[in-house]
Amino acid sequence: MAHVENSVIIGVICAHTITTVFYFLEKSLGKDMARAHIARLLTIFDVAAVSQLL
């Protein structure tokens, strides 16, 4: 993740990964903290559409 944050590489995550990660974060940390962590991820990674070719 450090390489993505430092623009050494481009980080891409699948669109459906966001909902999965949110689900687990919400169960562990609560809705507000889960949203904060997802917001942080979205500032670091690009989101690939489910049908997008990489």
Protein backbone atom coordinates (compact mmCIF):
# COMPACT_ATOMS: atom_id res chain seq x y z
CA MET A 1 0.00 0.00 0.00
CA ALA A 2 2.92 2.34 0.61
CA HIS A 3 3.89 2.12 -3.06
CA VAL A 4 0.39 3.17 -4.04
CA GLU A 5 0.38 6.05 -1.56
CA ASN A 6 3.77 7.21 -2.87
CA SER A 7 2.61 6.92 -6.51
CA VAL A 8 5.20 4.26 -7.30
CA ILE A 9 2.40 2.09 -8.67
CA ILE A 10 -1.29 2.60 -9.41
CA GLY A 11 -3.56 0.76 -6.99
CA VAL A 12 -6.83 -0.63 -8.29
CA ILE A 13 -9.46 -2.52 -6.35
CA CYS A 14 -12.63 -4.14 -7.62
CA ALA A 15 -15.91 -2.31 -7.08
CA HIS A 16 -17.41 -5.24 -5.16
CA THR A 17 -14.42 -5.24 -2.81
CA ILE A 18 -15.60 -1.95 -1.32
CA THR A 19 -18.86 -3.44 -0.10
CA THR A 20 -17.14 -6.56 1.23
CA VAL A 21 -14.52 -4.58 3.14
CA PHE A 22 -17.21 -2.23 4.45
CA TYR A 23 -19.23 -5.19 5.73
CA PHE A 24 -16.32 -6.56 7.75
CA LEU A 25 -15.26 -3.15 9.02
CA GLU A 26 -18.80 -2.30 10.08
CA LYS A 27 -19.09 -5.54 12.04
CA SER A 28 -15.78 -4.87 13.79
CA LEU A 29 -15.69 -1.10 14.19
CA GLY A 30 -19.20 0.23 13.65
CA LYS A 31 -20.73 2.14 10.75
CA ASP A 32 -19.00 5.50 11.30
CA MET A 33 -15.48 4.06 11.54
CA ALA A 34 -16.15 1.75 8.60
CA ARG A 35 -17.17 4.72 6.47
CA ALA A 36 -14.05 6.61 7.52
CA HIS A 37 -11.80 3.71 6.55
CA ILE A 38 -13.55 3.22 3.21
CA ALA A 39 -13.24 6.94 2.50
CA ARG A 40 -9.49 6.67 3.15
CA LEU A 41 -9.18 3.66 0.83
CA LEU A 42 -10.99 5.55 -1.90
CA THR A 43 -8.46 8.39 -1.69
CA ILE A 44 -5.63 5.91 -2.28
CA PHE A 45 -7.02 3.35 -4.74
CA ASP A 46 -8.84 3.62 -8.06
CA VAL A 47 -11.97 1.54 -8.30
CA ALA A 48 -12.33 -0.78 -11.28
CA ALA A 49 -15.81 -1.44 -12.57
CA VAL A 50 -16.86 -5.07 -12.33
CA SER A 51 -16.80 -5.31 -16.13
CA GLN A 52 -13.59 -3.27 -16.63
CA LEU A 53 -10.64 -5.00 -18.26
CA LEU A 54 -7.28 -4.31 -16.66
